[in-house]
Protein backbone atom coordinates (compact mmCIF):
# COMPACT_ATOMS: atom_id res chain seq x y z
CA MET A 1 188.12 90.18 183.50
CA LYS A 2 191.22 90.18 185.60
CA ASP A 3 193.12 87.23 187.02
CA THR A 4 192.19 86.73 190.66
CA GLU A 5 193.68 84.90 193.63
CA LEU A 6 192.05 81.62 194.67
CA THR A 7 191.99 80.11 198.11
CA LYS A 8 193.19 76.52 197.84
CA GLY A 9 191.92 73.70 200.06
CA PRO A 10 193.91 70.94 201.76
CA ALA A 11 194.07 68.85 198.57
CA ALA A 12 196.26 71.50 196.95
CA THR A 13 198.84 71.26 199.70
CA GLN A 14 199.23 67.51 199.23
CA GLY A 15 201.34 68.08 196.11
CA ALA A 16 199.05 66.14 193.77
CA MET A 17 200.55 66.04 190.27
CA ASP A 18 197.21 66.77 188.57
CA GLU A 19 196.51 69.99 190.43
CA CYS A 20 197.84 73.50 190.07
CA GLU A 21 200.31 74.69 192.62
CA CYS A 22 199.52 78.32 191.85
CA THR A 23 196.67 80.40 193.23
CA VAL A 24 195.83 82.52 190.19
CA LEU A 25 192.51 82.18 188.35
CA HIS A 26 192.90 82.98 184.65
CA ALA A 27 189.51 84.64 184.33
CA GLU A 28 189.61 85.39 180.60
CA ALA A 29 190.63 81.83 179.73
CA VAL A 30 187.91 80.48 182.04
CA GLU A 31 185.30 82.66 180.36
CA ARG A 32 186.39 81.60 176.85
CA ALA A 33 186.26 77.93 177.86
CA ARG A 34 182.87 78.38 179.52
CA LEU A 35 181.43 80.06 176.40
CA ALA A 36 182.82 77.30 174.18
CA LEU A 37 181.05 74.51 176.08
CA PRO A 38 178.37 72.81 173.96
CA PRO A 39 174.78 72.63 175.24
CA LEU A 40 174.13 69.94 177.87
CA PRO A 41 171.86 67.80 175.60
CA THR A 42 174.67 67.66 173.02
CA VAL A 43 177.18 66.65 175.69
CA GLU A 44 174.84 63.94 176.99
CA GLN A 45 174.25 62.54 173.48
CA THR A 46 178.00 62.54 172.83
CA ALA A 47 178.65 60.69 176.09
CA ALA A 48 176.01 58.10 175.17
CA ILE A 49 177.68 57.54 171.80
CA PHE A 50 181.09 57.05 173.40
CA GLN A 51 179.54 54.73 175.98
CA ALA A 52 178.10 52.64 173.15
CA LEU A 53 181.51 52.61 171.47
CA GLY A 54 182.98 51.39 174.77
CA ASP A 55 181.62 47.89 174.20
CA PRO A 56 183.93 45.53 172.23
CA THR A 57 181.02 43.69 170.60
CA ARG A 58 179.53 46.90 169.30
CA VAL A 59 182.93 48.03 168.00
CA ARG A 60 183.20 44.75 166.09
CA ILE A 61 179.70 45.23 164.67
CA LEU A 62 180.51 48.78 163.60
CA HIS A 63 183.78 47.69 162.03
CA ALA A 64 181.96 45.03 160.02
CA LEU A 65 179.32 47.55 158.95
CA GLY A 66 182.08 49.95 157.99
CA THR A 67 183.11 47.42 155.38
CA GLU A 68 179.65 47.13 153.85
CA GLU A 69 175.94 46.97 154.54
CA LEU A 70 175.02 43.66 156.20
CA CYS A 71 171.88 41.96 157.49
CA VAL A 72 171.59 40.46 160.98
CA CYS A 73 172.18 36.95 159.60
CA ASP A 74 175.40 38.04 157.91
CA LEU A 75 176.61 39.88 161.01
CA ALA A 76 175.89 36.84 163.19
CA VAL A 77 178.13 34.70 160.99
CA VAL A 78 180.88 37.32 160.70
CA LEU A 79 181.00 37.82 164.47
CA ASP A 80 180.24 34.21 165.48
CA MET A 81 177.26 35.35 167.55
CA THR A 82 173.58 34.49 167.68
CA GLN A 83 171.18 36.58 165.63
CA SER A 84 169.40 37.50 168.85
CA ALA A 85 172.61 38.86 170.42
CA VAL A 86 173.41 40.83 167.26
CA SER A 87 169.87 42.22 167.08
CA HIS A 88 170.08 43.35 170.70
CA GLN A 89 173.31 45.27 170.02
CA LEU A 90 171.94 46.75 166.80
CA ARG A 91 168.88 48.03 168.64
CA THR A 92 171.14 49.97 171.01
CA LEU A 93 173.20 51.35 168.12
CA ARG A 94 170.09 52.28 166.14
CA ASN A 95 168.50 54.10 169.10
CA LEU A 96 171.64 56.25 169.33
CA ARG A 97 171.59 56.91 165.55
CA ILE A 98 174.93 55.17 165.14
CA VAL A 99 173.55 52.67 162.63
CA LYS A 100 170.57 52.81 160.30
CA ARG A 101 168.51 50.08 158.72
CA ARG A 102 166.97 49.51 155.32
CA LYS A 103 164.32 46.85 154.72
CA VAL A 104 164.17 44.98 151.43
CA GLY A 105 161.33 42.50 151.46
CA ARG A 106 161.87 40.40 154.58
CA VAL A 107 165.56 41.29 154.96
CA VAL A 108 166.77 44.21 157.07
CA TYR A 109 170.16 45.61 156.11
CA TYR A 110 172.24 47.69 158.51
CA SER A 111 174.91 50.27 157.79
CA LEU A 112 176.73 53.03 159.62
CA ASP A 113 174.49 56.06 160.02
CA ASP A 114 176.95 58.55 158.56
CA LEU A 115 180.55 59.45 157.90
CA HIS A 116 181.01 60.84 161.42
CA ILE A 117 180.56 57.39 162.94
CA ARG A 118 183.09 55.89 160.54
CA THR A 119 185.54 58.66 161.45
CA LEU A 120 185.06 58.12 165.19
CA LEU A 121 185.61 54.38 164.81
CA GLU A 122 188.66 54.75 162.57
CA THR A 123 190.18 57.34 164.88
CA GLY A 124 189.65 55.12 167.93
CA LEU A 125 191.09 52.05 166.21
CA HIS A 126 194.05 54.04 164.91
CA HIS A 127 194.75 55.46 168.36
CA ALA A 128 194.47 52.01 170.00
CA SER A 129 196.90 50.47 167.49
CA HIS A 130 199.68 52.89 168.52
CA GLU A 131 201.94 51.84 171.34
């Protein structure tokens, strides 16, 4: 593919800092980027995970579970929340496969679903701690 000229609309003439001032389409780069896009269901699932991680309460729950497996009662004490509020958040996290549960008798223990979740959380916390 060759680079082609684009016709720019009025927004381009306003000098917006986030827009190109050139009129060349880099066709080969566009095609490579288009081919690299993940399937829409994967993108939607990823967005849902990041949306779940966008809630401070859920981040606190995940951080606690990153330390060790805990039951709802333990999490409620750690986070100074009601068991009902913790259970509600855990249900959301479980439905997105961010946490998993394990039942022992009448106690249900929760933990992070896998290493990817721990990595996402650690990366986000590390990034947020930088000025």
